[in-house]
Amino acid sequence: MMKIKVILSAIALFCVGFVAQAQELKIGYTNVELLMDLMPEMEQIAADIQDYQSQLQTNIQTKAQDFQRKVQAYQQAAPTMTEDARAAKEQELQKLQQELQKYEQDAQTSYQRKLGELLEPVQQKVFNAINAVAAENNYTHVFSESAGQSPILLYTKDEDKFTELVLAKLGIQLPAQNPSN
């Protein structure tokens, strides 16, 4: 009988400790894309990126039309050209085609970079607001809802040192961080 009381007391203490610990955990979810879409700055960003994309597209079209004109000119002149002249012109056209493809790739990279530059201040503003709201309302963790993907952790309390605990378990020491960051 005494053993049963001891076991029941241990279980009760374990459950009380678990409930007390669970009450400290407060998890929230948010939709970052929705928050960003509703930011007033997004309208201007959309207009700016559309203008930039139009400029890039116009440049690509101009270069593509120039290339096509040179191909047509070659096709018309090819029957009267010598073998060496034809080979040289074909090599020149291949080089121009490669340059056009590289320009298109560079334009895509430039577009992505410009979009990132325009979105960065808005993203920072949203993440700062998420962090402030989470801290003010005592959330321990906030996740981003992601369509078709695992949720992404956006916020955790500073005292949540899970990474440090895992590194210690692995026997790895965390490098010292620069205090100026």
N, C-alpha and C. Protein backbone atom coordinates (compact mmCIF):
# COMPACT_ATOMS: atom_id res chain seq x y z
N MET A 1 0.82 -1.19 0.00
CA MET A 1 0.00 0.00 0.00
C MET A 1 0.88 1.27 0.00
N MET A 2 1.94 1.19 0.78
CA MET A 2 2.86 2.31 0.86
C MET A 2 3.53 2.56 -0.49
N LYS A 3 3.88 1.49 -1.22
CA LYS A 3 4.51 1.62 -2.53
C LYS A 3 3.57 2.32 -3.49
N ILE A 4 2.31 2.00 -3.44
CA ILE A 4 1.33 2.61 -4.35
C ILE A 4 1.23 4.10 -4.07
N LYS A 5 1.23 4.52 -2.81
CA LYS A 5 1.16 5.94 -2.47
C LYS A 5 2.40 6.68 -2.98
N VAL A 6 3.56 6.06 -2.81
CA VAL A 6 4.80 6.67 -3.27
C VAL A 6 4.78 6.82 -4.80
N ILE A 7 4.34 5.78 -5.49
CA ILE A 7 4.28 5.82 -6.95
C ILE A 7 3.28 6.87 -7.41
N LEU A 8 2.09 6.90 -6.79
CA LEU A 8 1.07 7.90 -7.16
C LEU A 8 1.56 9.31 -6.87
N SER A 9 2.27 9.49 -5.76
CA SER A 9 2.81 10.82 -5.43
C SER A 9 3.86 11.24 -6.46
N ALA A 10 4.71 10.31 -6.86
CA ALA A 10 5.73 10.61 -7.86
C ALA A 10 5.09 10.98 -9.19
N ILE A 11 4.06 10.23 -9.58
CA ILE A 11 3.36 10.53 -10.83
C ILE A 11 2.69 11.89 -10.74
N ALA A 12 2.07 12.20 -9.61
CA ALA A 12 1.40 13.49 -9.43
C ALA A 12 2.40 14.63 -9.52
N LEU A 13 3.56 14.48 -8.85
CA LEU A 13 4.58 15.51 -8.93
C LEU A 13 5.09 15.68 -10.35
N PHE A 14 5.29 14.59 -11.05
CA PHE A 14 5.74 14.65 -12.44
C PHE A 14 4.73 15.39 -13.30
N CYS A 15 3.45 15.07 -13.14
CA CYS A 15 2.40 15.71 -13.94
C CYS A 15 2.30 17.19 -13.62
N VAL A 16 2.40 17.56 -12.31
CA VAL A 16 2.33 18.97 -11.93
C VAL A 16 3.51 19.72 -12.53
N GLY A 17 4.69 19.13 -12.46
CA GLY A 17 5.87 19.76 -13.06
C GLY A 17 5.72 19.93 -14.55
N PHE A 18 5.16 18.93 -15.22
CA PHE A 18 4.96 18.99 -16.67
C PHE A 18 3.96 20.07 -17.02
N VAL A 19 2.85 20.14 -16.28
CA VAL A 19 1.82 21.16 -16.54
C VAL A 19 2.39 22.55 -16.29
N ALA A 20 3.14 22.70 -15.22
CA ALA A 20 3.74 24.01 -14.92
C ALA A 20 4.69 24.43 -16.03
N GLN A 21 5.47 23.48 -16.53
CA GLN A 21 6.40 23.80 -17.61
C GLN A 21 5.65 24.08 -18.90
N ALA A 22 4.60 23.33 -19.17
CA ALA A 22 3.83 23.51 -20.41
C ALA A 22 3.13 24.85 -20.43
N GLN A 23 2.77 25.39 -19.25
CA GLN A 23 2.09 26.67 -19.21
C GLN A 23 3.01 27.81 -19.64
N GLU A 24 4.31 27.63 -19.53
CA GLU A 24 5.25 28.66 -19.93
C GLU A 24 5.40 28.73 -21.45
N LEU A 25 5.01 27.71 -22.14
CA LEU A 25 5.15 27.64 -23.60
C LEU A 25 3.96 28.32 -24.27
N LYS A 26 4.25 29.28 -25.11
CA LYS A 26 3.20 29.99 -25.84
C LYS A 26 3.65 30.10 -27.29
N ILE A 27 2.97 29.40 -28.18
CA ILE A 27 3.36 29.32 -29.58
C ILE A 27 2.35 30.07 -30.44
N GLY A 28 2.85 30.84 -31.40
CA GLY A 28 1.99 31.55 -32.33
C GLY A 28 2.37 31.24 -33.77
N TYR A 29 1.43 31.42 -34.67
CA TYR A 29 1.66 31.25 -36.10
C TYR A 29 1.24 32.54 -36.79
N THR A 30 1.95 32.88 -37.83
CA THR A 30 1.56 34.05 -38.61
C THR A 30 1.85 33.78 -40.08
N ASN A 31 1.23 34.55 -40.93
CA ASN A 31 1.41 34.42 -42.37
C ASN A 31 2.22 35.64 -42.84
N VAL A 32 3.51 35.46 -42.99
CA VAL A 32 4.41 36.56 -43.36
C VAL A 32 4.05 37.13 -44.73
N GLU A 33 3.72 36.25 -45.68
CA GLU A 33 3.37 36.74 -47.02
C GLU A 33 2.15 37.64 -46.97
N LEU A 34 1.15 37.28 -46.18
CA LEU A 34 -0.05 38.12 -46.05
C LEU A 34 0.33 39.46 -45.42
N LEU A 35 1.12 39.41 -44.36
CA LEU A 35 1.54 40.65 -43.71
C LEU A 35 2.26 41.56 -44.70
N MET A 36 3.17 40.99 -45.47
CA MET A 36 3.91 41.81 -46.43
C MET A 36 3.01 42.34 -47.53
N ASP A 37 2.10 41.49 -48.02
CA ASP A 37 1.20 41.93 -49.09
C ASP A 37 0.34 43.10 -48.66
N LEU A 38 0.02 43.17 -47.37
CA LEU A 38 -0.85 44.23 -46.87
C LEU A 38 -0.09 45.51 -46.49
N MET A 39 1.22 45.47 -46.55
CA MET A 39 2.01 46.66 -46.23
C MET A 39 1.80 47.71 -47.32
N PRO A 40 1.61 48.97 -46.92
CA PRO A 40 1.37 50.02 -47.92
C PRO A 40 2.51 50.20 -48.92
N GLU A 41 3.74 49.89 -48.50
CA GLU A 41 4.90 50.06 -49.36
C GLU A 41 4.89 49.11 -50.55
N MET A 42 4.15 48.02 -50.44
CA MET A 42 4.17 46.99 -51.48
C MET A 42 3.61 47.49 -52.81
N GLU A 43 2.71 48.42 -52.77
CA GLU A 43 2.14 48.96 -54.01
C GLU A 43 3.23 49.66 -54.83
N GLN A 44 4.04 50.48 -54.15
CA GLN A 44 5.12 51.20 -54.84
C GLN A 44 6.20 50.21 -55.29
N ILE A 45 6.49 49.21 -54.47
CA ILE A 45 7.49 48.20 -54.83
C ILE A 45 7.04 47.46 -56.08
N ALA A 46 5.77 47.10 -56.15
CA ALA A 46 5.24 46.39 -57.32
C ALA A 46 5.39 47.25 -58.58
N ALA A 47 5.11 48.54 -58.47
CA ALA A 47 5.25 49.44 -59.62
C ALA A 47 6.72 49.58 -60.02
N ASP A 48 7.59 49.74 -59.02
CA ASP A 48 9.02 49.89 -59.31
C ASP A 48 9.59 48.63 -59.97
N ILE A 49 9.24 47.47 -59.48
CA ILE A 49 9.80 46.23 -60.02
C ILE A 49 9.22 45.96 -61.42
N GLN A 50 7.98 46.38 -61.64
CA GLN A 50 7.38 46.22 -62.97
C GLN A 50 8.11 47.11 -63.99
N ASP A 51 8.43 48.35 -63.59
CA ASP A 51 9.19 49.25 -64.47
C ASP A 51 10.57 48.66 -64.77
N TYR A 52 11.23 48.16 -63.74
CA TYR A 52 12.56 47.59 -63.91
C TYR A 52 12.51 46.38 -64.84
N GLN A 53 11.50 45.54 -64.65
CA GLN A 53 11.34 44.36 -65.50
C GLN A 53 11.08 44.78 -66.95
N SER A 54 10.29 45.82 -67.15
CA SER A 54 10.02 46.31 -68.50
C SER A 54 11.29 46.81 -69.18
N GLN A 55 12.13 47.51 -68.42
CA GLN A 55 13.40 47.99 -68.97
C GLN A 55 14.28 46.82 -69.39
N LEU A 56 14.37 45.82 -68.52
CA LEU A 56 15.19 44.65 -68.84
C LEU A 56 14.64 43.94 -70.08
N GLN A 57 13.33 43.78 -70.12
CA GLN A 57 12.70 43.08 -71.24
C GLN A 57 12.91 43.85 -72.55
N THR A 58 12.82 45.16 -72.50
CA THR A 58 13.05 45.98 -73.69
C THR A 58 14.49 45.81 -74.19
N ASN A 59 15.44 45.81 -73.27
CA ASN A 59 16.84 45.61 -73.66
C ASN A 59 17.06 44.23 -74.27
N ILE A 60 16.44 43.21 -73.68
CA ILE A 60 16.57 41.85 -74.22
C ILE A 60 15.97 41.78 -75.61
N GLN A 61 14.79 42.36 -75.79
CA GLN A 61 14.14 42.34 -77.11
C GLN A 61 14.97 43.07 -78.15
N THR A 62 15.56 44.19 -77.78
CA THR A 62 16.40 44.95 -78.71
C THR A 62 17.60 44.11 -79.15
N LYS A 63 18.25 43.47 -78.18
CA LYS A 63 19.41 42.63 -78.51
C LYS A 63 19.00 41.40 -79.34
N ALA A 64 17.84 40.83 -79.02
CA ALA A 64 17.35 39.66 -79.77
C ALA A 64 17.01 40.05 -81.22
N GLN A 65 16.40 41.22 -81.41
CA GLN A 65 16.06 41.67 -82.76
C GLN A 65 17.33 41.96 -83.56
N ASP A 66 18.32 42.55 -82.91
CA ASP A 66 19.60 42.81 -83.57
C ASP A 66 20.24 41.50 -84.00
N PHE A 67 20.20 40.51 -83.12
CA PHE A 67 20.76 39.19 -83.44
C PHE A 67 20.01 38.57 -84.63
N GLN A 68 18.70 38.65 -84.63
CA GLN A 68 17.89 38.08 -85.71
C GLN A 68 18.20 38.76 -87.05
N ARG A 69 18.39 40.08 -87.02
CA ARG A 69 18.76 40.80 -88.25
C ARG A 69 20.09 40.29 -88.79
N LYS A 70 21.04 40.06 -87.91
CA LYS A 70 22.35 39.56 -88.34
C LYS A 70 22.24 38.14 -88.88
N VAL A 71 21.38 37.32 -88.29
CA VAL A 71 21.17 35.95 -88.78
C VAL A 71 20.55 35.99 -90.17
N GLN A 72 19.56 36.85 -90.36
CA GLN A 72 18.90 36.97 -91.66
C GLN A 72 19.88 37.48 -92.72
N ALA A 73 20.68 38.46 -92.33
CA ALA A 73 21.67 38.99 -93.28
C ALA A 73 22.66 37.89 -93.67
N TYR A 74 23.06 37.09 -92.71
CA TYR A 74 23.97 35.98 -92.99
C TYR A 74 23.30 34.96 -93.92
N GLN A 75 22.06 34.63 -93.64
CA GLN A 75 21.35 33.63 -94.46
C GLN A 75 21.23 34.10 -95.91
N GLN A 76 21.03 35.39 -96.11
CA GLN A 76 20.93 35.91 -97.47
C GLN A 76 22.29 35.94 -98.16
N ALA A 77 23.33 36.24 -97.43
CA ALA A 77 24.65 36.38 -98.03
C ALA A 77 25.42 35.06 -98.08
N ALA A 78 25.00 34.07 -97.32
CA ALA A 78 25.74 32.80 -97.21
C ALA A 78 26.02 32.13 -98.55
N PRO A 79 25.06 32.07 -99.49
CA PRO A 79 25.34 31.37 -100.76
C PRO A 79 26.47 32.00 -101.56
N THR A 80 26.72 33.27 -101.37
CA THR A 80 27.77 33.94 -102.15
C THR A 80 29.09 34.05 -101.39
N MET A 81 29.11 33.57 -100.16
CA MET A 81 30.32 33.68 -99.33
C MET A 81 31.24 32.49 -99.55
N THR A 82 32.52 32.73 -99.30
CA THR A 82 33.48 31.62 -99.36
C THR A 82 33.29 30.76 -98.11
N GLU A 83 33.86 29.58 -98.15
CA GLU A 83 33.75 28.64 -97.02
C GLU A 83 34.34 29.26 -95.74
N ASP A 84 35.49 29.90 -95.89
CA ASP A 84 36.14 30.52 -94.73
C ASP A 84 35.30 31.68 -94.18
N ALA A 85 34.75 32.48 -95.05
CA ALA A 85 33.94 33.62 -94.63
C ALA A 85 32.67 33.13 -93.92
N ARG A 86 32.05 32.05 -94.49
CA ARG A 86 30.85 31.48 -93.86
C ARG A 86 31.18 30.95 -92.45
N ALA A 87 32.28 30.25 -92.33
CA ALA A 87 32.67 29.69 -91.04
C ALA A 87 32.94 30.80 -90.03
N ALA A 88 33.59 31.86 -90.47
CA ALA A 88 33.88 32.99 -89.58
C ALA A 88 32.58 33.67 -89.13
N LYS A 89 31.66 33.85 -90.08
CA LYS A 89 30.38 34.51 -89.76
C LYS A 89 29.55 33.64 -88.82
N GLU A 90 29.56 32.31 -89.03
CA GLU A 90 28.82 31.40 -88.17
C GLU A 90 29.39 31.43 -86.75
N GLN A 91 30.70 31.49 -86.67
CA GLN A 91 31.34 31.55 -85.36
C GLN A 91 30.97 32.87 -84.66
N GLU A 92 30.94 33.94 -85.42
CA GLU A 92 30.55 35.23 -84.87
C GLU A 92 29.10 35.20 -84.38
N LEU A 93 28.22 34.59 -85.17
CA LEU A 93 26.81 34.49 -84.77
C LEU A 93 26.63 33.61 -83.53
N GLN A 94 27.40 32.54 -83.43
CA GLN A 94 27.32 31.69 -82.24
C GLN A 94 27.75 32.48 -81.00
N LYS A 95 28.79 33.28 -81.17
CA LYS A 95 29.27 34.09 -80.05
C LYS A 95 28.20 35.11 -79.65
N LEU A 96 27.56 35.72 -80.63
CA LEU A 96 26.49 36.69 -80.34
C LEU A 96 25.31 36.01 -79.64
N GLN A 97 24.99 34.79 -80.06
CA GLN A 97 23.90 34.05 -79.43
C GLN A 97 24.24 33.73 -77.97
N GLN A 98 25.46 33.34 -77.72
CA GLN A 98 25.89 33.07 -76.35
C GLN A 98 25.85 34.33 -75.50
N GLU A 99 26.26 35.44 -76.10
CA GLU A 99 26.21 36.71 -75.37
C GLU A 99 24.77 37.10 -75.04
N LEU A 100 23.86 36.84 -75.97
CA LEU A 100 22.44 37.13 -75.74
C LEU A 100 21.90 36.26 -74.60
N GLN A 101 22.24 34.98 -74.61
CA GLN A 101 21.79 34.08 -73.54
C GLN A 101 22.36 34.51 -72.20
N LYS A 102 23.62 34.91 -72.18
CA LYS A 102 24.24 35.37 -70.94
C LYS A 102 23.57 36.66 -70.46
N TYR A 103 23.25 37.53 -71.39
CA TYR A 103 22.58 38.78 -71.03
C TYR A 103 21.22 38.48 -70.41
N GLU A 104 20.49 37.50 -70.97
CA GLU A 104 19.19 37.12 -70.41
C GLU A 104 19.35 36.56 -69.00
N GLN A 105 20.37 35.75 -68.78
CA GLN A 105 20.63 35.20 -67.44
C GLN A 105 21.01 36.32 -66.47
N ASP A 106 21.85 37.23 -66.92
CA ASP A 106 22.26 38.34 -66.08
C ASP A 106 21.07 39.24 -65.74
N ALA A 107 20.17 39.40 -66.71
CA ALA A 107 18.98 40.21 -66.47
C ALA A 107 18.10 39.56 -65.40
N GLN A 108 17.97 38.24 -65.45
CA GLN A 108 17.18 37.52 -64.44
C GLN A 108 17.82 37.68 -63.06
N THR A 109 19.13 37.56 -62.99
CA THR A 109 19.85 37.74 -61.73
C THR A 109 19.68 39.17 -61.22
N SER A 110 19.79 40.11 -62.11
CA SER A 110 19.63 41.51 -61.76
C SER A 110 18.22 41.80 -61.24
N TYR A 111 17.23 41.19 -61.89
CA TYR A 111 15.84 41.34 -61.46
C TYR A 111 15.66 40.80 -60.03
N GLN A 112 16.19 39.61 -59.76
CA GLN A 112 16.08 39.00 -58.43
C GLN A 112 16.78 39.87 -57.38
N ARG A 113 17.95 40.39 -57.72
CA ARG A 113 18.69 41.25 -56.79
C ARG A 113 17.90 42.52 -56.50
N LYS A 114 17.35 43.13 -57.53
CA LYS A 114 16.57 44.37 -57.37
C LYS A 114 15.33 44.11 -56.52
N LEU A 115 14.66 42.99 -56.76
CA LEU A 115 13.49 42.64 -55.97
C LEU A 115 13.87 42.46 -54.51
N GLY A 116 14.98 41.78 -54.26
CA GLY A 116 15.46 41.60 -52.89
C GLY A 116 15.76 42.92 -52.21
N GLU A 117 16.41 43.84 -52.96
CA GLU A 117 16.73 45.16 -52.41
C GLU A 117 15.47 45.94 -52.06
N LEU A 118 14.46 45.85 -52.91
CA LEU A 118 13.22 46.58 -52.66
C LEU A 118 12.43 45.97 -51.50
N LEU A 119 12.46 44.64 -51.38
CA LEU A 119 11.67 43.96 -50.35
C LEU A 119 12.34 43.97 -48.98
N GLU A 120 13.66 44.09 -48.94
CA GLU A 120 14.39 43.97 -47.68
C GLU A 120 13.90 44.91 -46.58
N PRO A 121 13.68 46.20 -46.84
CA PRO A 121 13.19 47.08 -45.76
C PRO A 121 11.79 46.67 -45.26
N VAL A 122 10.95 46.22 -46.16
CA VAL A 122 9.60 45.80 -45.75
C VAL A 122 9.68 44.51 -44.93
N GLN A 123 10.52 43.58 -45.37
CA GLN A 123 10.69 42.34 -44.61
C GLN A 123 11.21 42.65 -43.22
N GLN A 124 12.19 43.54 -43.13
CA GLN A 124 12.76 43.90 -41.83
C GLN A 124 11.71 44.53 -40.93
N LYS A 125 10.88 45.37 -41.51
CA LYS A 125 9.82 46.02 -40.74
C LYS A 125 8.82 44.99 -40.22
N VAL A 126 8.45 44.02 -41.05
CA VAL A 126 7.51 42.96 -40.64
C VAL A 126 8.15 42.09 -39.55
N PHE A 127 9.40 41.68 -39.75
CA PHE A 127 10.05 40.84 -38.75
C PHE A 127 10.25 41.58 -37.43
N ASN A 128 10.55 42.86 -37.48
CA ASN A 128 10.67 43.65 -36.25
C ASN A 128 9.33 43.70 -35.52
N ALA A 129 8.24 43.88 -36.28
CA ALA A 129 6.91 43.90 -35.67
C ALA A 129 6.56 42.54 -35.06
N ILE A 130 6.90 41.46 -35.76
CA ILE A 130 6.64 40.11 -35.24
C ILE A 130 7.40 39.91 -33.93
N ASN A 131 8.66 40.28 -33.91
CA ASN A 131 9.47 40.13 -32.71
C ASN A 131 8.92 40.96 -31.55
N ALA A 132 8.51 42.19 -31.84
CA ALA A 132 7.97 43.07 -30.80
C ALA A 132 6.67 42.51 -30.23
N VAL A 133 5.76 42.09 -31.11
CA VAL A 133 4.48 41.55 -30.65
C VAL A 133 4.70 40.27 -29.86
N ALA A 134 5.60 39.43 -30.32
CA ALA A 134 5.88 38.18 -29.61
C ALA A 134 6.43 38.46 -28.21
N ALA A 135 7.36 39.39 -28.11
CA ALA A 135 7.94 39.72 -26.81
C ALA A 135 6.90 40.37 -25.89
N GLU A 136 6.11 41.30 -26.43
CA GLU A 136 5.10 42.00 -25.63
C GLU A 136 4.02 41.05 -25.11
N ASN A 137 3.71 40.00 -25.87
CA ASN A 137 2.63 39.08 -25.50
C ASN A 137 3.14 37.76 -24.95
N ASN A 138 4.42 37.72 -24.59
CA ASN A 138 5.02 36.56 -23.95
C ASN A 138 4.94 35.27 -24.76
N TYR A 139 5.07 35.38 -26.07
CA TYR A 139 5.17 34.17 -26.90
C TYR A 139 6.58 33.62 -26.74
N THR A 140 6.67 32.31 -26.68
CA THR A 140 8.00 31.71 -26.60
C THR A 140 8.52 31.38 -27.99
N HIS A 141 7.60 31.07 -28.90
CA HIS A 141 7.98 30.72 -30.27
C HIS A 141 6.89 31.21 -31.22
N VAL A 142 7.30 31.73 -32.37
CA VAL A 142 6.37 32.12 -33.43
C VAL A 142 6.85 31.50 -34.72
N PHE A 143 5.93 30.84 -35.41
CA PHE A 143 6.25 30.17 -36.67
C PHE A 143 5.54 30.86 -37.81
N SER A 144 6.12 30.76 -38.98
CA SER A 144 5.49 31.27 -40.20
C SER A 144 4.71 30.14 -40.84
N GLU A 145 3.48 30.42 -41.20
CA GLU A 145 2.71 29.44 -41.96
C GLU A 145 3.26 29.43 -43.37
N SER A 146 3.59 28.27 -43.86
CA SER A 146 4.17 28.15 -45.20
C SER A 146 3.34 27.17 -46.00
N ALA A 147 2.84 27.61 -47.12
CA ALA A 147 2.03 26.74 -47.97
C ALA A 147 2.88 25.60 -48.50
N GLY A 148 2.52 24.38 -48.14
CA GLY A 148 3.20 23.21 -48.69
C GLY A 148 4.57 22.93 -48.11
N GLN A 149 4.98 23.67 -47.10
CA GLN A 149 6.29 23.46 -46.50
C GLN A 149 6.14 23.35 -45.00
N SER A 150 7.19 22.93 -44.35
CA SER A 150 7.21 22.90 -42.90
C SER A 150 7.20 24.34 -42.39
N PRO A 151 6.58 24.58 -41.25
CA PRO A 151 6.60 25.94 -40.70
C PRO A 151 8.03 26.39 -40.41
N ILE A 152 8.26 27.68 -40.52
CA ILE A 152 9.58 28.27 -40.30
C ILE A 152 9.53 29.05 -38.99
N LEU A 153 10.50 28.81 -38.11
CA LEU A 153 10.56 29.52 -36.84
C LEU A 153 11.00 30.96 -37.10
N LEU A 154 10.18 31.92 -36.67
CA LEU A 154 10.48 33.33 -36.86
C LEU A 154 11.01 33.98 -35.59
N TYR A 155 10.57 33.47 -34.45
CA TYR A 155 10.91 34.11 -33.18
C TYR A 155 11.04 33.05 -32.10
N THR A 156 11.99 33.23 -31.23
CA THR A 156 12.10 32.44 -30.01
C THR A 156 12.71 33.35 -28.95
N LYS A 157 12.33 33.12 -27.70
CA LYS A 157 12.88 33.94 -26.62
C LYS A 157 14.39 33.78 -26.59
N ASP A 158 15.07 34.83 -26.18
CA ASP A 158 16.53 34.81 -26.12
C ASP A 158 17.06 33.69 -25.24
N GLU A 159 16.33 33.37 -24.19
CA GLU A 159 16.85 32.35 -23.28
C GLU A 159 16.66 30.93 -23.83
N ASP A 160 16.06 30.79 -25.01
CA ASP A 160 15.91 29.47 -25.62
C ASP A 160 17.22 29.16 -26.36
N LYS A 161 18.07 28.39 -25.72
CA LYS A 161 19.41 28.12 -26.23
C LYS A 161 19.54 26.68 -26.74
N PHE A 162 18.59 26.25 -27.52
CA PHE A 162 18.58 24.87 -27.98
C PHE A 162 19.82 24.54 -28.82
N THR A 163 20.21 25.43 -29.68
CA THR A 163 21.39 25.20 -30.52
C THR A 163 22.63 24.97 -29.66
N GLU A 164 22.78 25.82 -28.64
CA GLU A 164 23.94 25.68 -27.76
C GLU A 164 23.92 24.33 -27.04
N LEU A 165 22.73 23.87 -26.62
CA LEU A 165 22.61 22.58 -25.94
C LEU A 165 22.99 21.42 -26.87
N VAL A 166 22.55 21.51 -28.13
CA VAL A 166 22.88 20.46 -29.09
C VAL A 166 24.38 20.46 -29.37
N LEU A 167 24.97 21.65 -29.52
CA LEU A 167 26.41 21.73 -29.74
C LEU A 167 27.18 21.13 -28.57
N ALA A 168 26.73 21.41 -27.36
CA ALA A 168 27.38 20.84 -26.17
C ALA A 168 27.27 19.31 -26.17
N LYS A 169 26.11 18.82 -26.55
CA LYS A 169 25.91 17.37 -26.61
C LYS A 169 26.85 16.74 -27.64
N LEU A 170 27.10 17.46 -28.72
CA LEU A 170 28.00 16.98 -29.77
C LEU A 170 29.47 17.23 -29.42
N GLY A 171 29.71 17.94 -28.33
CA GLY A 171 31.08 18.24 -27.94
C GLY A 171 31.71 19.35 -28.76
N ILE A 172 30.89 20.23 -29.31
CA ILE A 172 31.37 21.33 -30.15
C ILE A 172 31.15 22.63 -29.39
N GLN A 173 32.17 23.48 -29.41
CA GLN A 173 32.04 24.76 -28.72
C GLN A 173 31.62 25.83 -29.73
N LEU A 174 30.66 26.63 -29.34
CA LEU A 174 30.18 27.73 -30.18
C LEU A 174 31.25 28.80 -30.26
N PRO A 175 31.61 29.24 -31.49
CA PRO A 175 32.64 30.28 -31.61
C PRO A 175 32.14 31.58 -30.97
N ALA A 176 33.06 32.35 -30.42
CA ALA A 176 32.72 33.63 -29.81
C ALA A 176 32.19 34.57 -30.87
N GLN A 177 31.11 35.29 -30.54
CA GLN A 177 30.51 36.22 -31.50
C GLN A 177 31.10 37.60 -31.28
N ASN A 178 31.19 38.35 -32.38
CA ASN A 178 31.69 39.71 -32.34
C ASN A 178 30.64 40.58 -31.66
N PRO A 179 30.95 41.27 -30.56
CA PRO A 179 29.96 42.08 -29.84
C PRO A 179 29.44 43.26 -30.64
N SER A 180 30.10 43.64 -31.73
CA SER A 180 29.63 44.78 -32.53
C SER A 180 28.47 44.42 -33.42
N ASN A 181 28.16 43.12 -33.58
CA ASN A 181 27.04 42.70 -34.44
C ASN A 181 25.74 42.76 -33.72
